[in-house]
Amino acid sequence: MLRQGLVLLVASALVLAITSAVVGRGFSWIERDRMQELLNRSAASLRSSAQAMLTSNKDYAGWDDSYRFVTQGDPAYLQTNFTSDSATNLGVDWIAFVGIDGTVGPAMHMRTGGVPKPLPPSHEEALQQLLAGREIHAADAGDTALLWVSGVPVLVAYSAVTDSAHTRHAGRWLVFGRSLRAGGKVEPEWTMGMPFEIQPTALDEPAGAPVELEGATMTGRLVLSPWPASLVLRQPPAYTKQRDAVLMWLLASMAGLVILAIVGMAALMRHKVLLRLERFAALAEESSTVQGGATRWPVTDDDELDSLARALNAMMERIEEQGALLAHLASHDPLTELGNRRQLMESLRLAIELRSAQQESTACLVLVDLDQFKTINDSMGHSAGDRVLETVAERIMEAIRPGDVAVRLGGDEFAIVLADTTPEQAHHFCDRLLIRLAHSMPYEDRLLFTTVSIGIAWIDAGLNGHDLLRRADRAMYRAKQLGRNRVVTYEATVEG
């Protein structure tokens, strides 16, 4: 369940991140397309203005007045045809006549407060580089160019001066020029009010990315081929607010879905986790109070709690197995697998209680001690002694009944609690046991023999386990005093 919740949260975060990236990329494409469109439209507007200036230039260059001015000279020509008003109408800043050899003149700057002024030398040098040596034809259609003069872009249109029939040329070019604003910014009427710039570009310079994002500003660049310049537009993205609104909507929607998922998971967790944990707690409390083994945790599925339940059940089984083993070791002799003194005392307690409750109930305690067992240990080794003890234990177990209890008290001493047995019956049982234990015992390649001395004490009300052990022990030692390999029943005279 927790793993599924984490997977859901991670998946939600990934979906939000991917969606945000897709939305951001989509708006970036929109911004790029928009800027590319602005660049294309502005470049088209700039070329259209240049073409209009070329048309006016060609018209002026084909006048007969212009032809006569160049070939014959007419002092009133310039003042009549190129005034400040006409410059405004034509959309030019200056005019110039340039010869085939590159000589410039006459030339004048017309937007100077109504008084024409000569062109600066930098303009003349730029015109000489553009037109010197260019062959003139009467039917030359002229052309446009973009010159860089002292770092300022200058748009020019030039045509050959001819007669009105375009059959003769005067050997000079008529040039119209318009300087773009200082700093390279294009005048507003050419750029639809956008903050465009014109920057120099080598003709062999490879074109870069048309639109790039530099920090919070988008930069669009369009090469104005065949002119050695690029049109550049820098402005912040236009759809930032829309993009942020969409992202906020996506974030809110995703948050709502996550909240719904969390609520659903909480309900599911209560059903599949909390209620089951409460059941586990109840079972744990029940296991601590119920005798006879712990309750097993239910396994219904294959989730984390079921894995926990399986682990707990396996642990409880191991604990019970270890507990049973410890209980067995606590009440049994490890060599002979008979009960030990602890089991004997518990059996005596139960027999005494039964005797107290039922006067007709009888039982006897039999104490068996091997005769001269130390001799076997000393002469044959402890392994032989252990084999004798194991054989004696096996033969005692073969002799007793299902309701009787046989234990090893320690060393070479054994005890038997005979249920529902009178002293006379106990004596007969012990006589038979003497014979059984006197039989030879095979050990390796030889036979071992041993005898036992047996003492009997009957179980009576008012006695405890220690009293009975003391009485049986007195009777057993009396048997040894009488020559061993015999049975003696406790009597009061034995105490003496």
Protein backbone atom coordinates (compact mmCIF):
# COMPACT_ATOMS: atom_id res chain seq x y z
CA MET A 1 0.00 0.00 0.00
CA LEU A 2 2.77 2.44 0.91
CA ARG A 3 4.66 1.43 -2.20
CA GLN A 4 1.58 2.09 -4.31
CA GLY A 5 1.14 5.49 -2.67
CA LEU A 6 4.74 6.43 -3.37
CA VAL A 7 4.36 5.24 -6.96
CA LEU A 8 1.26 7.43 -7.32
CA LEU A 9 3.04 10.51 -5.94
CA VAL A 10 6.11 9.94 -8.12
CA ALA A 11 3.90 9.35 -11.17
CA SER A 12 1.96 12.56 -10.44
CA ALA A 13 5.19 14.52 -10.12
CA LEU A 14 6.48 13.05 -13.39
CA VAL A 15 3.22 13.79 -15.20
CA LEU A 16 3.26 17.37 -13.89
CA ALA A 17 6.90 17.83 -14.89
CA ILE A 18 6.36 16.33 -18.35
CA THR A 19 3.16 18.31 -18.90
CA SER A 20 4.84 21.53 -17.76
CA ALA A 21 7.74 20.84 -20.11
CA VAL A 22 5.36 20.13 -23.01
CA VAL A 23 3.33 23.28 -22.28
CA GLY A 24 6.50 25.35 -21.96
CA ARG A 25 7.84 23.89 -25.20
CA GLY A 26 4.52 24.54 -26.92
CA PHE A 27 4.50 28.19 -25.86
CA SER A 28 8.15 28.46 -26.91
CA TRP A 29 7.17 27.26 -30.38
CA ILE A 30 4.35 29.80 -30.46
CA GLU A 31 6.75 32.56 -29.38
CA ARG A 32 9.29 31.48 -32.00
CA ASP A 33 6.66 31.36 -34.74
CA ARG A 34 5.37 34.77 -33.70
CA MET A 35 8.84 36.32 -33.68
CA GLN A 36 9.71 34.66 -36.99
CA GLU A 37 6.53 36.12 -38.46
CA LEU A 38 7.44 39.58 -37.14
CA LEU A 39 10.92 39.26 -38.63
CA ASN A 40 9.56 38.17 -41.99
CA ARG A 41 6.96 40.94 -42.08
CA SER A 42 9.46 43.59 -41.03
CA ALA A 43 12.02 42.38 -43.58
CA ALA A 44 9.32 42.44 -46.24
CA SER A 45 8.35 45.96 -45.16
CA LEU A 46 11.99 47.06 -45.30
CA ARG A 47 12.48 45.57 -48.75
CA SER A 48 9.20 47.13 -49.90
CA SER A 49 10.41 50.54 -48.71
CA ALA A 50 13.71 49.98 -50.49
CA GLN A 51 11.86 49.00 -53.67
CA ALA A 52 9.66 52.12 -53.41
CA MET A 53 12.77 54.25 -53.01
CA LEU A 54 14.31 52.53 -56.06
CA THR A 55 11.17 53.23 -58.09
CA SER A 56 11.31 56.93 -57.20
CA ASN A 57 15.04 56.97 -57.87
CA LYS A 58 14.62 55.38 -61.29
CA ASP A 59 11.84 57.85 -62.09
CA TYR A 60 14.06 60.84 -61.25
CA ALA A 61 17.05 59.35 -63.09
CA GLY A 62 14.97 59.00 -66.29
CA TRP A 63 13.91 62.63 -66.45
CA ASP A 64 15.21 64.73 -69.32
CA ASP A 65 15.85 67.48 -66.74
CA SER A 66 18.16 65.13 -64.84
CA TYR A 67 19.91 64.12 -68.06
CA ARG A 68 20.42 67.79 -69.10
CA PHE A 69 21.65 68.65 -65.59
CA VAL A 70 24.37 66.02 -65.78
CA THR A 71 25.34 66.67 -69.43
CA GLN A 72 24.87 70.45 -69.69
CA GLY A 73 24.58 71.75 -66.15
CA ASP A 74 21.50 73.55 -64.79
CA PRO A 75 22.09 75.57 -61.59
CA ALA A 76 18.37 75.61 -60.73
CA TYR A 77 17.89 71.84 -61.09
CA LEU A 78 18.86 70.84 -57.57
CA GLN A 79 17.05 73.69 -55.80
CA THR A 80 13.92 73.04 -57.85
CA ASN A 81 13.66 69.25 -57.64
CA PHE A 82 15.33 68.35 -54.34
CA THR A 83 13.92 70.38 -51.50
CA SER A 84 13.30 69.45 -47.90
CA ASP A 85 9.65 68.77 -48.70
CA SER A 86 10.50 66.57 -51.67
CA ALA A 87 12.99 64.65 -49.52
CA THR A 88 10.22 63.96 -47.02
CA ASN A 89 7.88 62.84 -49.78
CA LEU A 90 10.54 60.62 -51.32
CA GLY A 91 11.58 59.22 -47.95
CA VAL A 92 15.28 60.01 -48.47
CA ASP A 93 17.89 61.92 -46.49
CA TRP A 94 20.33 62.78 -49.23
CA ILE A 95 21.03 62.52 -52.97
CA ALA A 96 24.25 62.19 -54.89
CA PHE A 97 25.48 61.88 -58.45
CA VAL A 98 28.35 59.40 -58.82
CA GLY A 99 30.48 58.99 -61.92
CA ILE A 100 31.84 55.83 -63.46
CA ASP A 101 35.24 56.68 -62.06
CA GLY A 102 33.77 56.98 -58.57
CA THR A 103 33.76 60.76 -58.36
CA VAL A 104 30.93 62.02 -56.19
CA GLY A 105 29.16 65.26 -57.01
CA PRO A 106 27.13 67.07 -56.82
CA ALA A 107 25.76 65.62 -53.57
CA MET A 108 23.84 67.13 -50.73
CA HIS A 109 22.13 66.27 -47.46
CA MET A 110 18.58 67.60 -47.59
CA ARG A 111 17.23 67.07 -44.08
CA THR A 112 19.27 69.76 -42.43
CA GLY A 113 16.69 72.34 -41.43
CA GLY A 114 15.88 73.52 -44.96
CA VAL A 115 19.46 74.31 -46.05
CA PRO A 116 21.12 71.50 -48.05
CA LYS A 117 24.63 70.58 -46.95
CA PRO A 118 27.40 68.56 -48.58
CA LEU A 119 27.65 64.87 -47.75
CA PRO A 120 30.22 63.85 -45.14
CA PRO A 121 33.39 62.24 -46.53
CA SER A 122 32.41 58.89 -45.00
CA HIS A 123 29.31 58.80 -47.20
CA GLU A 124 31.33 59.66 -50.32
CA GLU A 125 33.83 56.88 -49.55
CA ALA A 126 31.02 54.36 -49.16
CA LEU A 127 29.50 55.43 -52.50
CA GLN A 128 32.86 55.18 -54.23
CA GLN A 129 33.33 51.61 -52.95
CA LEU A 130 29.83 50.71 -54.13
CA LEU A 131 29.79 52.27 -57.63
CA ALA A 132 33.37 52.93 -58.77
CA GLY A 133 34.07 50.98 -61.95
CA ARG A 134 30.49 49.75 -62.31
CA GLU A 135 29.57 49.81 -66.02
CA ILE A 136 26.52 51.90 -66.91
CA HIS A 137 23.88 50.92 -69.46
CA ALA A 138 21.09 53.16 -70.59
CA ALA A 139 18.48 50.56 -69.81
CA ASP A 140 20.02 49.72 -66.41
CA ALA A 141 17.15 49.05 -63.97
CA GLY A 142 19.25 50.15 -61.02
CA ASP A 143 19.43 48.43 -57.65
CA THR A 144 19.34 48.86 -53.90
CA ALA A 145 22.06 48.34 -51.34
CA LEU A 146 22.63 48.61 -47.61
CA LEU A 147 25.87 50.34 -46.70
CA TRP A 148 27.58 50.66 -43.34
CA VAL A 149 28.76 54.23 -42.87
CA SER A 150 30.53 54.97 -39.59
CA GLY A 151 28.70 52.04 -38.03
CA VAL A 152 25.26 53.28 -39.14
CA PRO A 153 23.22 51.31 -41.70
CA VAL A 154 22.34 53.37 -44.78
CA LEU A 155 19.79 52.20 -47.32
CA VAL A 156 20.54 53.40 -50.87
CA ALA A 157 18.86 53.14 -54.28
CA TYR A 158 20.79 53.99 -57.44
CA SER A 159 19.93 54.18 -61.17
CA ALA A 160 21.75 55.33 -64.31
CA VAL A 161 20.86 58.88 -65.44
CA THR A 162 19.33 58.60 -68.93
CA ASP A 163 17.10 60.51 -71.24
CA SER A 164 13.39 59.87 -71.04
CA ALA A 165 13.60 57.37 -73.89
CA HIS A 166 16.31 55.42 -72.02
CA THR A 167 18.44 55.36 -75.15
CA ARG A 168 21.32 57.47 -73.87
CA HIS A 169 22.98 57.62 -70.49
CA ALA A 170 24.85 60.53 -68.98
CA GLY A 171 27.69 58.46 -67.50
CA ARG A 172 26.61 59.03 -63.92
CA TRP A 173 24.46 57.37 -61.26
CA LEU A 174 21.68 59.10 -59.35
CA VAL A 175 21.77 57.81 -55.75
CA PHE A 176 19.10 58.23 -53.09
CA GLY A 177 20.15 57.47 -49.52
CA ARG A 178 18.38 57.08 -46.26
CA SER A 179 20.34 56.74 -43.05
CA LEU A 180 18.79 54.51 -40.43
CA ARG A 181 18.80 55.89 -36.91
CA ALA A 182 22.03 56.11 -34.98
CA GLY A 183 22.72 52.96 -33.01
CA GLY A 184 21.32 50.76 -35.74
CA LYS A 185 17.63 51.00 -34.81
CA VAL A 186 15.25 51.13 -37.76
CA GLU A 187 12.84 54.02 -37.96
CA PRO A 188 9.34 53.18 -36.65
CA GLU A 189 7.42 53.43 -39.93
CA TRP A 190 9.61 50.67 -41.36
CA THR A 191 9.20 48.29 -38.47
CA MET A 192 5.53 48.37 -37.45
CA GLY A 193 6.50 49.93 -34.14
CA MET A 194 8.73 47.01 -33.07
CA PRO A 195 12.21 47.62 -31.56
CA PHE A 196 14.17 46.13 -34.45
CA GLU A 197 17.89 46.57 -34.97
CA ILE A 198 20.03 46.12 -38.07
CA GLN A 199 23.43 44.58 -37.46
CA PRO A 200 26.30 43.99 -39.90
CA THR A 201 26.66 40.46 -41.20
CA ALA A 202 29.32 39.02 -43.46
CA LEU A 203 27.90 37.62 -46.66
CA ASP A 204 29.66 34.31 -46.07
CA GLU A 205 28.63 34.10 -42.40
CA PRO A 206 26.55 30.95 -41.72
CA ALA A 207 23.03 31.58 -40.50
CA GLY A 208 22.48 30.81 -36.82
CA ALA A 209 19.29 29.88 -35.01
CA PRO A 210 16.61 32.32 -36.24
CA VAL A 211 15.12 32.68 -32.73
CA GLU A 212 17.03 32.19 -29.48
CA LEU A 213 16.10 32.60 -25.81
CA GLU A 214 18.66 34.61 -23.86
CA GLY A 215 17.58 34.72 -20.22
CA ALA A 216 14.18 36.43 -20.04
CA THR A 217 14.56 37.94 -23.53
CA MET A 218 13.86 36.34 -26.88
CA THR A 219 16.15 37.32 -29.74
CA GLY A 220 15.13 36.86 -33.37
CA ARG A 221 17.60 37.22 -36.23
CA LEU A 222 16.96 37.27 -39.98
CA VAL A 223 19.70 37.74 -42.60
CA LEU A 224 18.70 40.42 -45.13
CA SER A 225 20.34 38.66 -48.06
CA PRO A 226 21.86 39.87 -50.38
CA TRP A 227 22.60 42.82 -48.09
CA PRO A 228 25.45 42.37 -45.58
CA ALA A 229 23.11 42.86 -42.64
CA SER A 230 20.74 41.05 -40.32
CA LEU A 231 17.45 42.20 -38.88
CA VAL A 232 17.40 41.64 -35.09
CA LEU A 233 14.46 41.82 -32.68
CA ARG A 234 14.83 41.57 -28.90
CA GLN A 235 11.80 41.50 -26.63
CA PRO A 236 10.41 39.51 -23.71
CA PRO A 237 8.07 36.61 -24.55
CA ALA A 238 4.59 37.86 -25.41
CA TYR A 239 2.67 34.89 -23.96
CA THR A 240 4.27 34.65 -20.52
CA LYS A 241 1.03 35.40 -18.69
CA GLN A 242 -0.91 32.90 -20.78
CA ARG A 243 1.75 30.25 -20.24
CA ASP A 244 1.81 30.88 -16.48
CA ALA A 245 -2.00 30.74 -16.38
CA VAL A 246 -2.01 27.38 -18.17
CA LEU A 247 0.70 26.03 -15.87
CA MET A 248 -1.20 27.22 -12.79
CA TRP A 249 -4.34 25.54 -14.12
CA LEU A 250 -2.41 22.34 -14.70
CA LEU A 251 -0.89 22.56 -11.23
CA ALA A 252 -4.29 23.14 -9.65
CA SER A 253 -5.82 20.28 -11.63
CA MET A 254 -2.98 17.95 -10.71
CA ALA A 255 -3.23 19.02 -7.06
CA GLY A 256 -6.96 18.28 -7.14
CA LEU A 257 -6.34 14.87 -8.64
CA VAL A 258 -3.65 14.15 -6.05
CA ILE A 259 -6.00 15.22 -3.25
CA LEU A 260 -8.73 12.95 -4.62
CA ALA A 261 -6.20 10.15 -4.91
CA ILE A 262 -5.03 10.74 -1.33
CA VAL A 263 -8.62 10.69 -0.06
CA GLY A 264 -9.26 7.49 -1.97
CA MET A 265 -6.04 5.98 -0.71
CA ALA A 266 -6.92 7.00 2.85
CA ALA A 267 -10.25 5.20 2.57
CA LEU A 268 -8.57 2.21 0.99
CA MET A 269 -5.83 2.28 3.62
CA ARG A 270 -8.40 2.29 6.39
CA HIS A 271 -10.10 -0.70 4.83
CA LYS A 272 -6.97 -2.64 3.93
CA VAL A 273 -4.50 -1.43 6.55
CA LEU A 274 -5.93 0.23 9.65
CA LEU A 275 -8.76 -2.24 10.20
CA ARG A 276 -6.37 -5.11 9.68
CA LEU A 277 -3.86 -3.54 12.07
CA GLU A 278 -6.62 -3.30 14.67
CA ARG A 279 -7.33 -6.98 14.05
CA PHE A 280 -3.63 -7.73 14.43
CA ALA A 281 -3.56 -5.85 17.74
CA ALA A 282 -6.56 -7.84 18.99
CA LEU A 283 -4.92 -11.09 17.93
CA ALA A 284 -1.68 -10.09 19.64
CA GLU A 285 -3.56 -9.38 22.88
CA GLU A 286 -5.44 -12.64 22.52
CA SER A 287 -2.18 -14.51 21.97
CA SER A 288 -0.79 -13.11 25.22
CA THR A 289 -3.70 -14.47 27.24
CA VAL A 290 -4.65 -17.71 25.48
CA GLN A 291 -2.93 -20.87 26.70
CA GLY A 292 -1.75 -23.57 24.36
CA GLY A 293 -0.12 -21.58 21.60
CA ALA A 294 -0.34 -18.20 19.92
CA THR A 295 -3.11 -17.27 17.50
CA ARG A 296 -2.06 -17.09 13.86
CA TRP A 297 -2.40 -13.85 11.91
CA PRO A 298 -4.73 -14.18 8.89
CA VAL A 299 -3.25 -13.98 5.38
CA THR A 300 -5.79 -12.79 2.80
CA ASP A 301 -3.76 -11.32 -0.06
CA ASP A 302 -0.21 -10.65 -1.13
CA ASP A 303 0.43 -7.09 0.05
CA GLU A 304 2.85 -5.74 2.65
CA LEU A 305 0.63 -6.63 5.62
CA ASP A 306 0.23 -10.17 4.34
CA SER A 307 4.01 -10.42 4.07
CA LEU A 308 4.20 -9.14 7.66
CA ALA A 309 1.56 -11.69 8.74
CA ARG A 310 3.50 -14.53 7.11
CA ALA A 311 6.70 -13.40 8.82
CA LEU A 312 4.92 -13.14 12.20
CA ASN A 313 3.34 -16.57 11.78
CA ALA A 314 6.70 -18.08 10.88
CA MET A 315 8.26 -16.34 13.88
CA MET A 316 5.52 -17.65 16.21
CA GLU A 317 6.07 -21.17 14.89
CA ARG A 318 9.80 -20.89 15.56
CA ILE A 319 9.13 -19.47 19.03
CA GLU A 320 6.75 -22.34 19.81
CA GLU A 321 9.27 -24.87 18.53
CA GLN A 322 12.04 -23.32 20.60
CA GLY A 323 9.72 -23.08 23.59
CA ALA A 324 8.79 -26.74 23.29
CA LEU A 325 12.47 -27.65 22.99
CA LEU A 326 13.38 -25.56 26.03
CA ALA A 327 10.49 -27.05 28.00
CA HIS A 328 11.65 -30.53 27.06
CA LEU A 329 15.24 -29.75 28.02
CA ALA A 330 14.06 -28.23 31.31
CA SER A 331 12.22 -31.42 32.31
CA HIS A 332 14.31 -34.21 30.71
CA ASP A 333 17.74 -35.73 31.05
CA PRO A 334 19.73 -35.12 27.83
CA LEU A 335 21.56 -38.50 27.96
CA THR A 336 18.70 -40.92 28.60
CA GLU A 337 15.75 -38.77 27.45
CA LEU A 338 14.03 -39.65 30.75
CA GLY A 339 12.47 -37.00 32.91
CA ASN A 340 14.65 -35.16 35.43
CA ARG A 341 14.26 -34.18 39.08
CA ARG A 342 11.94 -31.30 38.17
CA GLN A 343 9.52 -33.66 36.44
CA LEU A 344 9.75 -36.08 39.36
CA MET A 345 8.83 -33.42 41.91
CA GLU A 346 5.85 -32.34 39.79
CA SER A 347 4.67 -35.96 39.47
CA LEU A 348 5.00 -36.48 43.23
CA ARG A 349 3.02 -33.29 43.90
CA LEU A 350 0.17 -34.48 41.69
CA ALA A 351 0.21 -37.96 43.26
CA ILE A 352 0.10 -36.50 46.80
CA GLU A 353 -2.81 -34.20 45.84
CA LEU A 354 -4.67 -37.16 44.34
CA ARG A 355 -4.03 -39.21 47.50
CA SER A 356 -5.35 -36.36 49.65
CA ALA A 357 -8.48 -36.05 47.51
CA GLN A 358 -9.11 -39.79 47.14
CA GLN A 359 -8.16 -41.94 50.13
CA GLU A 360 -8.43 -45.13 48.08
CA SER A 361 -5.80 -43.86 45.64
CA THR A 362 -2.42 -45.51 46.06
CA ALA A 363 0.98 -44.84 44.49
CA CYS A 364 4.61 -45.67 45.21
CA LEU A 365 7.98 -44.05 44.65
CA VAL A 366 10.77 -46.40 43.54
CA LEU A 367 14.42 -45.31 43.79
CA VAL A 368 16.94 -47.33 41.70
CA ASP A 369 20.71 -47.00 42.19
CA LEU A 370 23.31 -48.93 40.18
CA ASP A 371 25.71 -51.08 42.23
CA GLN A 372 29.42 -50.30 41.86
CA PHE A 373 28.83 -48.12 38.79
CA LYS A 374 32.06 -46.24 39.51
CA THR A 375 34.02 -49.41 38.78
CA ILE A 376 32.61 -49.52 35.24
CA ASN A 377 33.48 -45.86 34.65
CA ASP A 378 37.00 -46.26 36.02
CA SER A 379 37.82 -49.50 34.21
CA MET A 380 35.93 -49.11 30.92
CA GLY A 381 35.69 -45.34 30.51
CA HIS A 382 32.84 -42.88 30.61
CA SER A 383 31.50 -43.94 27.21
CA ALA A 384 30.89 -47.42 28.61
CA GLY A 385 29.27 -45.88 31.68
CA ASP A 386 27.00 -43.77 29.45
CA ARG A 387 26.03 -46.88 27.51
CA VAL A 388 25.07 -48.64 30.76
CA LEU A 389 22.95 -45.67 31.84
CA GLU A 390 21.18 -45.55 28.46
CA THR A 391 20.48 -49.31 28.57
CA VAL A 392 19.13 -49.11 32.14
CA ALA A 393 16.85 -46.23 31.08
CA GLU A 394 15.59 -48.19 28.06
CA ARG A 395 14.82 -51.28 30.20
CA ILE A 396 13.04 -49.20 32.84
CA MET A 397 10.87 -47.62 30.11
CA GLU A 398 10.09 -51.09 28.79
CA ALA A 399 9.02 -52.23 32.26
CA ILE A 400 6.71 -49.38 33.32
CA ARG A 401 3.11 -48.76 32.29
CA PRO A 402 1.76 -45.76 30.32
CA GLY A 403 0.60 -43.97 33.48
CA ASP A 404 3.92 -44.36 35.31
CA VAL A 405 6.76 -41.82 35.31
CA ALA A 406 10.48 -42.68 35.08
CA VAL A 407 13.24 -40.09 35.65
CA ARG A 408 16.98 -39.92 36.08
CA LEU A 409 17.89 -38.03 39.22
CA GLY A 410 21.54 -37.75 38.29
CA GLY A 411 24.66 -39.90 38.20
CA ASP A 412 23.61 -43.56 38.45
CA GLU A 413 20.33 -42.93 40.28
CA PHE A 414 16.84 -43.35 38.77
CA ALA A 415 13.34 -42.87 40.18
CA ILE A 416 9.95 -44.30 39.17
CA VAL A 417 6.49 -43.12 40.23
CA LEU A 418 4.10 -46.09 40.01
CA ALA A 419 0.48 -44.92 39.80
CA ASP A 420 -2.37 -46.99 41.32
CA THR A 421 0.12 -49.35 42.91
CA THR A 422 0.23 -50.77 46.44
CA PRO A 423 3.55 -51.40 48.22
CA GLU A 424 3.15 -55.15 47.61
CA GLN A 425 2.55 -54.60 43.89
CA ALA A 426 5.50 -52.23 43.78
CA HIS A 427 7.70 -54.88 45.40
CA HIS A 428 6.72 -57.46 42.79
CA PHE A 429 7.42 -54.91 40.01
CA CYS A 430 10.88 -54.21 41.45
CA ASP A 431 11.72 -57.92 41.71
CA ARG A 432 11.02 -58.29 38.02
CA LEU A 433 13.04 -55.13 37.32
CA LEU A 434 16.04 -56.59 39.19
CA ILE A 435 16.02 -59.56 36.85
CA ARG A 436 15.59 -57.39 33.73
CA LEU A 437 18.46 -55.08 34.68
CA ALA A 438 20.79 -57.96 35.56
CA HIS A 439 20.86 -59.11 31.94
CA SER A 440 24.08 -58.49 30.05
CA MET A 441 24.55 -55.26 28.11
CA PRO A 442 26.52 -55.39 24.83
CA TYR A 443 29.19 -52.74 24.45
CA GLU A 444 31.57 -52.78 21.50
CA ASP A 445 33.06 -56.32 21.47
CA ARG A 446 32.21 -57.29 25.05
CA LEU A 447 29.31 -57.69 27.48
CA LEU A 448 28.72 -55.51 30.51
CA PHE A 449 26.89 -56.54 33.68
CA THR A 450 25.48 -54.55 36.55
CA THR A 451 23.05 -54.93 39.43
CA VAL A 452 20.89 -52.37 41.20
CA SER A 453 19.68 -51.62 44.71
CA ILE A 454 16.04 -50.50 44.94
CA GLY A 455 14.17 -48.64 47.66
CA ILE A 456 10.36 -48.27 47.78
CA ALA A 457 8.29 -45.63 49.59
CA TRP A 458 4.53 -45.43 49.36
CA ILE A 459 2.84 -42.10 48.80
CA ASP A 460 0.65 -40.99 51.68
CA ALA A 461 -1.26 -37.84 52.55
CA GLY A 462 0.54 -35.33 54.72
CA LEU A 463 3.90 -35.94 53.04
CA ASN A 464 5.68 -33.86 50.44
CA GLY A 465 8.03 -34.79 47.62
CA HIS A 466 11.16 -34.31 49.68
CA ASP A 467 9.77 -36.57 52.42
CA LEU A 468 9.07 -39.31 49.90
CA LEU A 469 12.53 -38.99 48.32
CA ARG A 470 14.14 -39.20 51.74
CA ARG A 471 12.16 -42.35 52.62
CA ALA A 472 12.89 -44.07 49.31
CA ASP A 473 16.55 -43.11 49.65
CA ARG A 474 16.68 -44.65 53.16
CA ALA A 475 15.17 -47.87 51.83
CA MET A 476 17.62 -47.95 48.90
CA TYR A 477 20.64 -47.53 51.18
CA ARG A 478 19.25 -50.29 53.40
CA ALA A 479 19.26 -52.55 50.33
CA LYS A 480 22.92 -51.75 49.73
CA GLN A 481 23.73 -52.48 53.37
CA LEU A 482 22.06 -55.86 53.03
CA GLY A 483 24.36 -56.83 50.15
CA ARG A 484 23.06 -54.92 47.07
CA ASN A 485 21.02 -56.38 44.20
CA ARG A 486 17.84 -56.41 46.23
CA VAL A 487 14.60 -54.51 46.97
CA VAL A 488 13.73 -52.88 50.31
CA THR A 489 10.39 -51.23 51.14
CA TYR A 490 10.51 -48.27 53.51
CA GLU A 491 9.33 -48.96 57.02
CA ALA A 492 9.56 -46.83 60.09
CA THR A 493 12.26 -49.15 61.41
CA VAL A 494 14.44 -48.18 58.43
CA GLU A 495 14.76 -44.68 59.91
CA GLY A 496 16.59 -46.21 62.80
